[in-house]
């Protein structure tokens, strides 16, 4: 979607995402009690190209955490962790006895922690969009889906449904305790692009 904006508009949209992620980074630092750097954000999106592909490790499991956007701007955000990234998050943030346990309770707590991470990141970016655009936008309660990487493309295509604008970006969070680069796929109505254009 971002390629439909001119250079000035793209700069504004990119800054909104980066500022939101910077807010999320500070929250993660509080959880870890350790500094984190947000080294790079890569944008790669196009309404003329298919959704991002995730077939490099086709049999690897991926964790997809979905947040439905509600309010004046409709859409969905997806935070995508690889198996390795999930393991890193758990190791950095959770006690060893919980990580090593396979009990139903521990599994529920681990999955619940992942959705809280998503809630924190998505909410930070949504807040930046909401404040800049002057719109009431909120995130619904996140839901978690675990699937094989080769199933992810079909899942995202189905999720895109009636929405016609896509933002895809990867953020690299690096620190002593945590080093991850999750994917974010946000799918919006075309109205998002129009709002940016009207304000720039």
N, C-alpha and C. Protein backbone atom coordinates (compact mmCIF):
# COMPACT_ATOMS: atom_id res chain seq x y z
N UNK A 1 0.81 -1.20 0.00
CA UNK A 1 0.00 0.00 0.00
C UNK A 1 0.85 1.25 0.00
N UNK A 2 1.96 1.26 0.75
CA UNK A 2 2.72 2.49 0.89
C UNK A 2 3.26 3.02 -0.43
N UNK A 3 3.41 2.15 -1.43
CA UNK A 3 3.94 2.63 -2.71
C UNK A 3 2.91 3.47 -3.45
N UNK A 4 1.68 3.57 -2.97
CA UNK A 4 0.67 4.41 -3.59
C UNK A 4 0.78 5.85 -3.10
N UNK A 5 1.65 6.11 -2.13
CA UNK A 5 1.85 7.45 -1.62
C UNK A 5 3.05 8.09 -2.31
N UNK A 6 3.05 9.43 -2.40
CA UNK A 6 4.24 10.08 -2.95
C UNK A 6 5.32 10.12 -1.86
N UNK A 7 6.47 10.71 -2.20
CA UNK A 7 7.62 10.65 -1.29
C UNK A 7 7.32 11.29 0.06
N UNK A 8 6.65 12.45 0.05
CA UNK A 8 6.32 13.14 1.29
C UNK A 8 5.32 12.33 2.13
N UNK A 9 4.30 11.81 1.46
CA UNK A 9 3.28 11.01 2.15
C UNK A 9 3.87 9.73 2.70
N UNK A 10 4.76 9.10 1.93
CA UNK A 10 5.42 7.88 2.38
C UNK A 10 6.26 8.14 3.63
N UNK A 11 6.93 9.28 3.64
CA UNK A 11 7.75 9.64 4.79
C UNK A 11 6.89 9.78 6.04
N UNK A 12 5.72 10.40 5.89
CA UNK A 12 4.81 10.57 7.02
C UNK A 12 4.30 9.23 7.52
N UNK A 13 3.83 8.37 6.60
CA UNK A 13 3.30 7.06 7.00
C UNK A 13 4.38 6.22 7.65
N UNK A 14 5.60 6.28 7.10
CA UNK A 14 6.71 5.50 7.66
C UNK A 14 7.05 5.98 9.06
N UNK A 15 7.02 7.30 9.25
CA UNK A 15 7.33 7.85 10.57
C UNK A 15 6.29 7.43 11.60
N UNK A 16 5.03 7.37 11.20
CA UNK A 16 3.98 6.93 12.12
C UNK A 16 4.25 5.52 12.62
N UNK A 17 4.61 4.62 11.69
CA UNK A 17 4.90 3.24 12.08
C UNK A 17 6.13 3.20 12.99
N UNK A 18 7.19 3.91 12.60
CA UNK A 18 8.43 3.88 13.36
C UNK A 18 8.22 4.45 14.77
N UNK A 19 7.48 5.56 14.87
CA UNK A 19 7.22 6.16 16.19
C UNK A 19 6.42 5.21 17.07
N UNK A 20 5.45 4.52 16.46
CA UNK A 20 4.68 3.54 17.22
C UNK A 20 5.54 2.41 17.73
N UNK A 21 6.42 1.89 16.87
CA UNK A 21 7.31 0.80 17.27
C UNK A 21 8.31 1.27 18.33
N UNK A 22 8.70 2.53 18.26
CA UNK A 22 9.61 3.07 19.28
C UNK A 22 8.94 3.09 20.64
N UNK A 23 7.64 3.40 20.66
CA UNK A 23 6.88 3.34 21.92
C UNK A 23 6.82 1.91 22.43
N UNK A 24 6.58 0.95 21.52
CA UNK A 24 6.54 -0.46 21.91
C UNK A 24 7.89 -0.91 22.44
N UNK A 25 8.96 -0.42 21.84
CA UNK A 25 10.32 -0.78 22.27
C UNK A 25 10.53 -0.38 23.73
N UNK A 26 10.06 0.81 24.10
CA UNK A 26 10.24 1.26 25.48
C UNK A 26 9.47 0.36 26.45
N UNK A 27 8.30 -0.10 26.04
CA UNK A 27 7.53 -1.02 26.89
C UNK A 27 8.26 -2.35 27.05
N UNK A 28 8.87 -2.83 25.95
CA UNK A 28 9.62 -4.08 26.02
C UNK A 28 10.85 -3.95 26.92
N UNK A 29 11.48 -2.77 26.90
CA UNK A 29 12.63 -2.54 27.77
C UNK A 29 12.21 -2.63 29.24
N UNK A 30 11.00 -2.16 29.56
CA UNK A 30 10.52 -2.24 30.94
C UNK A 30 10.29 -3.68 31.35
N UNK A 31 9.78 -4.50 30.41
CA UNK A 31 9.55 -5.91 30.71
C UNK A 31 10.87 -6.63 30.95
N UNK A 32 11.85 -6.36 30.09
CA UNK A 32 13.14 -7.05 30.16
C UNK A 32 14.10 -6.44 31.18
N UNK A 33 13.81 -5.20 31.62
CA UNK A 33 14.75 -4.47 32.47
C UNK A 33 16.13 -4.40 31.82
N UNK A 34 16.12 -4.18 30.49
CA UNK A 34 17.36 -4.16 29.71
C UNK A 34 17.11 -3.33 28.45
N UNK A 35 18.11 -2.55 28.01
CA UNK A 35 17.91 -1.70 26.82
C UNK A 35 17.79 -2.50 25.53
N UNK A 36 16.98 -1.99 24.60
CA UNK A 36 16.79 -2.59 23.28
C UNK A 36 16.96 -1.49 22.25
N UNK A 37 17.58 -1.82 21.13
CA UNK A 37 17.65 -0.86 20.02
C UNK A 37 16.70 -1.31 18.92
N UNK A 38 16.06 -0.35 18.29
CA UNK A 38 15.22 -0.61 17.12
C UNK A 38 16.08 -0.21 15.93
N UNK A 39 16.75 -1.21 15.34
CA UNK A 39 17.81 -0.92 14.38
C UNK A 39 17.32 -0.53 13.00
N UNK A 40 16.25 -1.18 12.53
CA UNK A 40 15.86 -0.95 11.15
C UNK A 40 14.41 -1.36 10.95
N UNK A 41 13.72 -0.66 10.08
CA UNK A 41 12.39 -1.06 9.66
C UNK A 41 12.39 -1.14 8.14
N UNK A 42 12.11 -2.28 7.59
CA UNK A 42 12.06 -2.46 6.14
C UNK A 42 10.61 -2.47 5.69
N UNK A 43 10.29 -1.68 4.68
CA UNK A 43 8.95 -1.67 4.12
C UNK A 43 8.98 -2.35 2.77
N UNK A 44 8.05 -3.24 2.52
CA UNK A 44 7.94 -3.87 1.20
C UNK A 44 6.48 -4.19 0.96
N UNK A 45 5.81 -3.34 0.20
CA UNK A 45 4.39 -3.57 -0.04
C UNK A 45 4.02 -3.06 -1.42
N UNK A 46 3.03 -3.69 -2.00
CA UNK A 46 2.53 -3.25 -3.30
C UNK A 46 1.16 -3.83 -3.53
N UNK A 47 0.25 -2.99 -4.01
CA UNK A 47 -1.08 -3.50 -4.32
C UNK A 47 -1.04 -4.32 -5.61
N UNK A 48 0.08 -4.21 -6.35
CA UNK A 48 0.20 -4.95 -7.61
C UNK A 48 0.91 -6.29 -7.43
N UNK A 49 1.42 -6.54 -6.24
CA UNK A 49 2.15 -7.78 -5.98
C UNK A 49 1.35 -8.63 -4.99
N UNK A 50 1.61 -9.93 -4.97
CA UNK A 50 0.93 -10.78 -4.00
C UNK A 50 1.35 -10.43 -2.58
N UNK A 51 0.63 -10.96 -1.63
CA UNK A 51 0.99 -10.76 -0.24
C UNK A 51 2.38 -11.33 0.02
N UNK A 52 3.05 -10.87 1.07
CA UNK A 52 4.39 -11.39 1.39
C UNK A 52 4.38 -12.91 1.47
N UNK A 53 5.45 -13.53 0.99
CA UNK A 53 5.52 -14.99 0.99
C UNK A 53 6.40 -15.48 2.12
N UNK A 54 6.02 -16.59 2.69
CA UNK A 54 6.74 -17.16 3.83
C UNK A 54 6.96 -18.65 3.57
N UNK A 55 7.65 -18.97 2.50
CA UNK A 55 7.85 -20.39 2.16
C UNK A 55 9.30 -20.83 2.30
N UNK A 56 10.15 -19.99 2.89
CA UNK A 56 11.56 -20.32 3.03
C UNK A 56 11.75 -21.58 3.87
N UNK A 57 11.00 -21.68 4.94
CA UNK A 57 11.05 -22.86 5.81
C UNK A 57 9.62 -23.42 5.88
N UNK A 58 9.22 -24.08 4.83
CA UNK A 58 7.81 -24.43 4.66
C UNK A 58 7.23 -25.24 5.82
N UNK A 59 8.02 -26.12 6.43
CA UNK A 59 7.49 -26.97 7.49
C UNK A 59 7.66 -26.37 8.88
N UNK A 60 8.32 -25.25 8.96
CA UNK A 60 8.49 -24.59 10.25
C UNK A 60 7.17 -23.99 10.70
N UNK A 61 6.91 -24.05 11.98
CA UNK A 61 5.70 -23.44 12.51
C UNK A 61 5.89 -21.94 12.67
N UNK A 62 4.84 -21.20 12.41
CA UNK A 62 4.86 -19.76 12.66
C UNK A 62 3.66 -19.42 13.56
N UNK A 63 3.86 -18.40 14.37
CA UNK A 63 2.81 -17.92 15.25
C UNK A 63 2.28 -16.60 14.69
N UNK A 64 1.01 -16.58 14.34
CA UNK A 64 0.38 -15.40 13.75
C UNK A 64 -0.62 -14.85 14.75
N UNK A 65 -0.36 -13.62 15.21
CA UNK A 65 -1.25 -13.01 16.19
C UNK A 65 -2.01 -11.88 15.49
N UNK A 66 -3.31 -12.03 15.46
CA UNK A 66 -4.17 -11.13 14.71
C UNK A 66 -4.89 -10.16 15.65
N UNK A 67 -4.87 -8.88 15.27
CA UNK A 67 -5.63 -7.86 15.99
C UNK A 67 -6.58 -7.18 15.02
N UNK A 68 -7.86 -7.29 15.28
CA UNK A 68 -8.87 -6.65 14.45
C UNK A 68 -8.96 -5.17 14.82
N UNK A 69 -8.88 -4.30 13.80
CA UNK A 69 -9.03 -2.87 14.05
C UNK A 69 -10.51 -2.51 14.05
N UNK A 70 -10.92 -1.77 15.03
CA UNK A 70 -12.31 -1.35 15.12
C UNK A 70 -12.35 0.17 15.30
N UNK A 71 -13.47 0.76 14.98
CA UNK A 71 -13.60 2.20 15.05
C UNK A 71 -13.80 2.80 13.68
N UNK A 72 -13.20 3.97 13.44
CA UNK A 72 -13.43 4.70 12.19
C UNK A 72 -12.60 4.19 11.02
N UNK A 73 -11.60 3.36 11.27
CA UNK A 73 -10.78 2.79 10.21
C UNK A 73 -10.73 1.29 10.40
N UNK A 74 -11.21 0.55 9.40
CA UNK A 74 -11.30 -0.90 9.52
C UNK A 74 -10.05 -1.58 8.95
N UNK A 75 -9.73 -2.73 9.51
CA UNK A 75 -8.61 -3.51 9.00
C UNK A 75 -8.18 -4.55 10.01
N UNK A 76 -7.07 -5.22 9.72
CA UNK A 76 -6.49 -6.20 10.63
C UNK A 76 -4.98 -6.05 10.64
N UNK A 77 -4.37 -6.28 11.80
CA UNK A 77 -2.92 -6.33 11.88
C UNK A 77 -2.51 -7.75 12.25
N UNK A 78 -1.39 -8.18 11.71
CA UNK A 78 -0.87 -9.52 11.99
C UNK A 78 0.59 -9.40 12.39
N UNK A 79 0.93 -9.90 13.56
CA UNK A 79 2.31 -9.97 14.01
C UNK A 79 2.75 -11.43 13.86
N UNK A 80 3.83 -11.64 13.12
CA UNK A 80 4.23 -13.00 12.75
C UNK A 80 5.61 -13.32 13.33
N UNK A 81 5.65 -14.34 14.21
CA UNK A 81 6.89 -14.81 14.81
C UNK A 81 7.26 -16.17 14.24
N UNK A 82 8.55 -16.37 13.96
CA UNK A 82 9.04 -17.71 13.62
C UNK A 82 9.17 -18.52 14.91
N UNK A 83 9.37 -19.83 14.78
CA UNK A 83 9.57 -20.67 15.97
C UNK A 83 10.76 -20.18 16.79
N UNK A 84 11.84 -19.83 16.09
CA UNK A 84 13.05 -19.39 16.76
C UNK A 84 12.80 -18.10 17.54
N UNK A 85 12.03 -17.18 16.96
CA UNK A 85 11.75 -15.92 17.63
C UNK A 85 10.86 -16.12 18.85
N UNK A 86 9.91 -17.05 18.75
CA UNK A 86 9.05 -17.36 19.90
C UNK A 86 9.91 -17.88 21.05
N UNK A 87 10.85 -18.78 20.73
CA UNK A 87 11.74 -19.34 21.75
C UNK A 87 12.58 -18.23 22.40
N UNK A 88 13.05 -17.28 21.60
CA UNK A 88 13.85 -16.17 22.13
C UNK A 88 13.02 -15.29 23.07
N UNK A 89 11.78 -15.00 22.68
CA UNK A 89 10.91 -14.18 23.52
C UNK A 89 10.66 -14.87 24.85
N UNK A 90 10.34 -16.18 24.80
CA UNK A 90 10.09 -16.92 26.03
C UNK A 90 11.33 -16.94 26.93
N UNK A 91 12.49 -17.20 26.34
CA UNK A 91 13.74 -17.29 27.12
C UNK A 91 14.05 -15.96 27.79
N UNK A 92 13.81 -14.87 27.09
CA UNK A 92 14.13 -13.54 27.62
C UNK A 92 13.15 -13.07 28.69
N UNK A 93 11.90 -13.52 28.59
CA UNK A 93 10.84 -12.91 29.40
C UNK A 93 10.19 -13.81 30.44
N UNK A 94 10.34 -15.13 30.30
CA UNK A 94 9.61 -16.04 31.18
C UNK A 94 10.57 -16.90 32.01
N UNK A 95 10.13 -17.36 33.19
CA UNK A 95 10.99 -18.22 34.02
C UNK A 95 11.21 -19.58 33.36
N UNK A 96 12.38 -20.18 33.62
CA UNK A 96 12.77 -21.43 32.98
C UNK A 96 11.77 -22.56 33.25
N UNK A 97 11.26 -22.64 34.48
CA UNK A 97 10.34 -23.74 34.80
C UNK A 97 9.05 -23.66 33.99
N UNK A 98 8.61 -22.45 33.65
CA UNK A 98 7.42 -22.29 32.82
C UNK A 98 7.72 -22.67 31.36
N UNK A 99 8.89 -22.25 30.88
CA UNK A 99 9.27 -22.56 29.50
C UNK A 99 9.38 -24.07 29.28
N UNK A 100 9.96 -24.76 30.25
CA UNK A 100 10.23 -26.19 30.11
C UNK A 100 8.99 -27.05 30.34
N UNK A 101 7.97 -26.49 30.93
CA UNK A 101 6.76 -27.27 31.23
C UNK A 101 5.87 -27.40 30.00
N UNK A 102 5.27 -28.58 29.83
CA UNK A 102 4.33 -28.82 28.75
C UNK A 102 2.89 -28.94 29.25
N UNK A 103 2.66 -28.53 30.48
CA UNK A 103 1.32 -28.65 31.03
C UNK A 103 0.37 -27.70 30.30
N UNK A 104 -0.91 -28.02 30.27
CA UNK A 104 -1.89 -27.15 29.60
C UNK A 104 -1.85 -25.72 30.15
N UNK A 105 -1.64 -25.61 31.47
CA UNK A 105 -1.61 -24.28 32.09
C UNK A 105 -0.42 -23.46 31.60
N UNK A 106 0.76 -24.11 31.51
CA UNK A 106 1.95 -23.38 31.08
C UNK A 106 1.84 -22.99 29.60
N UNK A 107 1.27 -23.88 28.78
CA UNK A 107 1.08 -23.56 27.36
C UNK A 107 0.15 -22.35 27.22
N UNK A 108 -0.90 -22.34 28.03
CA UNK A 108 -1.85 -21.22 27.97
C UNK A 108 -1.16 -19.92 28.39
N UNK A 109 -0.31 -19.98 29.40
CA UNK A 109 0.38 -18.78 29.87
C UNK A 109 1.37 -18.28 28.82
N UNK A 110 2.07 -19.21 28.16
CA UNK A 110 3.04 -18.81 27.13
C UNK A 110 2.33 -18.17 25.94
N UNK A 111 1.23 -18.75 25.49
CA UNK A 111 0.49 -18.18 24.38
C UNK A 111 -0.13 -16.84 24.77
N UNK A 112 -0.58 -16.75 26.02
CA UNK A 112 -1.14 -15.50 26.51
C UNK A 112 -0.10 -14.39 26.53
N UNK A 113 1.15 -14.76 26.85
CA UNK A 113 2.22 -13.76 26.87
C UNK A 113 2.49 -13.25 25.45
N UNK A 114 2.47 -14.13 24.46
CA UNK A 114 2.67 -13.71 23.08
C UNK A 114 1.60 -12.72 22.64
N UNK A 115 0.36 -12.99 22.99
CA UNK A 115 -0.71 -12.08 22.59
C UNK A 115 -0.56 -10.73 23.29
N UNK A 116 0.00 -10.72 24.51
CA UNK A 116 0.24 -9.45 25.19
C UNK A 116 1.33 -8.65 24.48
N UNK A 117 2.36 -9.34 23.97
CA UNK A 117 3.41 -8.67 23.20
C UNK A 117 2.79 -8.01 21.96
N UNK A 118 1.93 -8.78 21.27
CA UNK A 118 1.25 -8.23 20.09
C UNK A 118 0.38 -7.04 20.46
N UNK A 119 -0.36 -7.18 21.54
CA UNK A 119 -1.25 -6.12 21.98
C UNK A 119 -0.47 -4.83 22.22
N UNK A 120 0.71 -4.98 22.81
CA UNK A 120 1.55 -3.83 23.10
C UNK A 120 2.06 -3.17 21.82
N UNK A 121 2.55 -3.97 20.88
CA UNK A 121 3.10 -3.43 19.64
C UNK A 121 2.00 -2.83 18.76
N UNK A 122 0.91 -3.58 18.58
CA UNK A 122 -0.17 -3.11 17.73
C UNK A 122 -0.79 -1.84 18.30
N UNK A 123 -1.00 -1.83 19.62
CA UNK A 123 -1.63 -0.66 20.25
C UNK A 123 -0.78 0.59 20.08
N UNK A 124 0.54 0.44 20.15
CA UNK A 124 1.43 1.60 20.00
C UNK A 124 1.32 2.20 18.60
N UNK A 125 1.30 1.34 17.58
CA UNK A 125 1.21 1.84 16.20
C UNK A 125 -0.20 2.40 15.94
N UNK A 126 -1.23 1.72 16.44
CA UNK A 126 -2.60 2.20 16.27
C UNK A 126 -2.76 3.58 16.89
N UNK A 127 -2.15 3.79 18.05
CA UNK A 127 -2.23 5.09 18.72
C UNK A 127 -1.63 6.19 17.86
N UNK A 128 -0.49 5.89 17.21
CA UNK A 128 0.13 6.88 16.33
C UNK A 128 -0.79 7.22 15.15
N UNK A 129 -1.37 6.19 14.53
CA UNK A 129 -2.30 6.42 13.42
C UNK A 129 -3.50 7.24 13.89
N UNK A 130 -4.06 6.85 15.02
CA UNK A 130 -5.27 7.49 15.54
C UNK A 130 -5.03 8.96 15.83
N UNK A 131 -3.91 9.26 16.51
CA UNK A 131 -3.62 10.65 16.87
C UNK A 131 -3.37 11.51 15.64
N UNK A 132 -2.60 10.99 14.68
CA UNK A 132 -2.24 11.78 13.50
C UNK A 132 -3.45 12.01 12.60
N UNK A 133 -4.24 10.94 12.39
CA UNK A 133 -5.37 11.03 11.47
C UNK A 133 -6.61 11.65 12.12
N UNK A 134 -6.59 11.79 13.46
CA UNK A 134 -7.75 12.34 14.15
C UNK A 134 -8.94 11.41 14.10
N UNK A 135 -8.67 10.10 14.11
CA UNK A 135 -9.73 9.10 14.04
C UNK A 135 -9.76 8.25 15.30
N UNK A 136 -10.93 7.76 15.63
CA UNK A 136 -11.06 6.82 16.75
C UNK A 136 -10.79 5.41 16.22
N UNK A 137 -9.62 4.88 16.53
CA UNK A 137 -9.23 3.54 16.08
C UNK A 137 -8.76 2.75 17.30
N UNK A 138 -9.24 1.52 17.42
CA UNK A 138 -8.86 0.67 18.55
C UNK A 138 -8.52 -0.72 18.04
N UNK A 139 -7.81 -1.46 18.88
CA UNK A 139 -7.53 -2.84 18.55
C UNK A 139 -8.40 -3.77 19.38
N UNK A 140 -9.01 -4.76 18.73
CA UNK A 140 -9.80 -5.77 19.44
C UNK A 140 -8.85 -6.70 20.18
N UNK A 141 -9.38 -7.58 20.99
CA UNK A 141 -8.55 -8.56 21.71
C UNK A 141 -7.82 -9.44 20.70
N UNK A 142 -6.49 -9.58 20.80
CA UNK A 142 -5.73 -10.38 19.83
C UNK A 142 -6.09 -11.86 19.88
N UNK A 143 -5.96 -12.53 18.73
CA UNK A 143 -6.16 -13.98 18.66
C UNK A 143 -4.92 -14.61 18.05
N UNK A 144 -4.57 -15.81 18.51
CA UNK A 144 -3.35 -16.48 18.08
C UNK A 144 -3.65 -17.68 17.21
N UNK A 145 -2.95 -17.77 16.07
CA UNK A 145 -3.03 -18.94 15.20
C UNK A 145 -1.62 -19.49 14.99
N UNK A 146 -1.45 -20.80 15.20
CA UNK A 146 -0.17 -21.46 14.94
C UNK A 146 -0.35 -22.35 13.72
N UNK A 147 0.53 -22.19 12.72
CA UNK A 147 0.41 -22.95 11.48
C UNK A 147 1.78 -23.16 10.86
N UNK A 148 1.84 -24.01 9.84
CA UNK A 148 3.07 -24.20 9.10
C UNK A 148 3.30 -22.99 8.19
N UNK A 149 4.57 -22.67 7.96
CA UNK A 149 4.90 -21.49 7.16
C UNK A 149 4.25 -21.55 5.77
N UNK A 150 4.17 -22.75 5.18
CA UNK A 150 3.61 -22.85 3.83
C UNK A 150 2.10 -22.59 3.81
N UNK A 151 1.46 -22.60 4.99
CA UNK A 151 0.03 -22.31 5.06
C UNK A 151 -0.26 -20.82 5.22
N UNK A 152 0.80 -20.04 5.50
CA UNK A 152 0.60 -18.64 5.86
C UNK A 152 0.09 -17.78 4.71
N UNK A 153 0.59 -18.04 3.50
CA UNK A 153 0.14 -17.24 2.36
C UNK A 153 -1.37 -17.34 2.16
N UNK A 154 -1.88 -18.57 2.19
CA UNK A 154 -3.32 -18.76 2.03
C UNK A 154 -4.10 -18.09 3.14
N UNK A 155 -3.57 -18.17 4.36
CA UNK A 155 -4.23 -17.54 5.50
C UNK A 155 -4.32 -16.03 5.31
N UNK A 156 -3.21 -15.40 4.88
CA UNK A 156 -3.20 -13.94 4.69
C UNK A 156 -4.10 -13.52 3.53
N UNK A 157 -4.13 -14.32 2.46
CA UNK A 157 -5.00 -14.01 1.33
C UNK A 157 -6.46 -14.03 1.77
N UNK A 158 -6.81 -15.01 2.57
CA UNK A 158 -8.19 -15.10 3.07
C UNK A 158 -8.49 -13.92 3.99
N UNK A 159 -7.51 -13.57 4.83
CA UNK A 159 -7.68 -12.47 5.77
C UNK A 159 -7.88 -11.13 5.06
N UNK A 160 -7.22 -10.97 3.89
CA UNK A 160 -7.29 -9.69 3.21
C UNK A 160 -8.70 -9.38 2.75
N UNK A 161 -9.46 -10.41 2.35
CA UNK A 161 -10.87 -10.26 2.05
C UNK A 161 -11.23 -9.00 1.29
N UNK A 162 -12.06 -8.17 1.91
CA UNK A 162 -12.55 -6.94 1.27
C UNK A 162 -11.54 -5.80 1.34
N UNK A 163 -10.48 -5.96 2.09
CA UNK A 163 -9.52 -4.87 2.24
C UNK A 163 -8.58 -4.82 1.04
N UNK A 164 -8.15 -3.60 0.69
CA UNK A 164 -7.39 -3.47 -0.55
C UNK A 164 -6.04 -2.80 -0.37
N UNK A 165 -5.65 -2.48 0.86
CA UNK A 165 -4.38 -1.81 1.10
C UNK A 165 -3.56 -2.60 2.10
N UNK A 166 -2.28 -2.78 1.80
CA UNK A 166 -1.42 -3.62 2.63
C UNK A 166 -0.15 -2.87 3.02
N UNK A 167 0.20 -2.94 4.29
CA UNK A 167 1.52 -2.50 4.75
C UNK A 167 2.22 -3.75 5.27
N UNK A 168 3.43 -3.98 4.81
CA UNK A 168 4.24 -5.09 5.30
C UNK A 168 5.57 -4.53 5.75
N UNK A 169 5.95 -4.78 6.99
CA UNK A 169 7.25 -4.31 7.44
C UNK A 169 7.86 -5.27 8.45
N UNK A 170 9.16 -5.20 8.57
CA UNK A 170 9.92 -6.03 9.50
C UNK A 170 10.71 -5.11 10.41
N UNK A 171 10.58 -5.29 11.70
CA UNK A 171 11.32 -4.47 12.66
C UNK A 171 12.34 -5.36 13.37
N UNK A 172 13.55 -4.83 13.49
CA UNK A 172 14.61 -5.59 14.15
C UNK A 172 14.84 -5.00 15.54
N UNK A 173 14.43 -5.75 16.55
CA UNK A 173 14.66 -5.36 17.95
C UNK A 173 15.89 -6.10 18.44
N UNK A 174 16.90 -5.34 18.87
CA UNK A 174 18.15 -5.97 19.27
C UNK A 174 18.57 -5.48 20.65
N UNK A 175 18.94 -6.42 21.50
CA UNK A 175 19.42 -6.08 22.83
C UNK A 175 20.17 -7.24 23.44
N UNK A 176 20.69 -7.04 24.62
CA UNK A 176 21.44 -8.10 25.31
C UNK A 176 20.56 -9.30 25.60
N UNK A 177 19.30 -9.03 25.92
CA UNK A 177 18.39 -10.11 26.31
C UNK A 177 17.51 -10.62 25.17
N UNK A 178 17.40 -9.85 24.10
CA UNK A 178 16.44 -10.21 23.06
C UNK A 178 16.90 -9.71 21.70
N UNK A 179 16.79 -10.56 20.69
CA UNK A 179 17.18 -10.20 19.32
C UNK A 179 16.19 -10.86 18.37
N UNK A 180 15.18 -10.11 17.92
CA UNK A 180 14.13 -10.68 17.07
C UNK A 180 13.81 -9.72 15.94
N UNK A 181 13.23 -10.24 14.87
CA UNK A 181 12.82 -9.42 13.72
C UNK A 181 11.46 -9.91 13.22
N UNK A 182 10.39 -9.67 13.98
CA UNK A 182 9.07 -10.15 13.56
C UNK A 182 8.55 -9.41 12.34
N UNK A 183 7.66 -10.07 11.61
CA UNK A 183 6.98 -9.45 10.47
C UNK A 183 5.65 -8.88 10.94
N UNK A 184 5.30 -7.73 10.38
CA UNK A 184 3.99 -7.13 10.60
C UNK A 184 3.30 -7.02 9.25
N UNK A 185 2.09 -7.52 9.16
CA UNK A 185 1.28 -7.35 7.95
C UNK A 185 -0.02 -6.68 8.38
N UNK A 186 -0.22 -5.44 7.91
CA UNK A 186 -1.43 -4.68 8.21
C UNK A 186 -2.24 -4.55 6.94
N UNK A 187 -3.52 -4.83 7.04
CA UNK A 187 -4.42 -4.78 5.89
C UNK A 187 -5.53 -3.77 6.20
N UNK A 188 -5.68 -2.77 5.33
CA UNK A 188 -6.63 -1.68 5.56
C UNK A 188 -7.53 -1.48 4.37
N UNK A 189 -8.60 -0.70 4.61
CA UNK A 189 -9.38 -0.14 3.52
C UNK A 189 -8.56 0.96 2.84
N UNK A 190 -8.87 1.23 1.59
CA UNK A 190 -8.20 2.28 0.83
C UNK A 190 -8.32 3.64 1.52
N UNK A 191 -9.30 3.76 2.39
CA UNK A 191 -9.53 5.02 3.09
C UNK A 191 -8.28 5.50 3.84
N UNK A 192 -7.45 4.55 4.31
CA UNK A 192 -6.25 4.92 5.03
C UNK A 192 -5.33 5.78 4.16
N UNK A 193 -5.13 5.34 2.90
CA UNK A 193 -4.29 6.09 1.97
C UNK A 193 -4.88 7.47 1.74
N UNK A 194 -6.20 7.54 1.56
CA UNK A 194 -6.86 8.81 1.31
C UNK A 194 -6.70 9.78 2.48
N UNK A 195 -6.78 9.25 3.70
CA UNK A 195 -6.63 10.09 4.89
C UNK A 195 -5.23 10.70 4.95
N UNK A 196 -4.21 9.88 4.66
CA UNK A 196 -2.83 10.38 4.65
C UNK A 196 -2.69 11.49 3.62
N UNK A 197 -3.22 11.25 2.41
CA UNK A 197 -3.11 12.23 1.33
C UNK A 197 -3.80 13.55 1.68
N UNK A 198 -4.94 13.45 2.35
CA UNK A 198 -5.69 14.65 2.68
C UNK A 198 -5.00 15.51 3.75
N UNK A 199 -4.14 14.89 4.55
CA UNK A 199 -3.52 15.61 5.65
C UNK A 199 -2.12 16.12 5.34
N UNK A 200 -1.51 15.61 4.26
CA UNK A 200 -0.13 15.99 3.93
C UNK A 200 -0.13 17.12 2.91
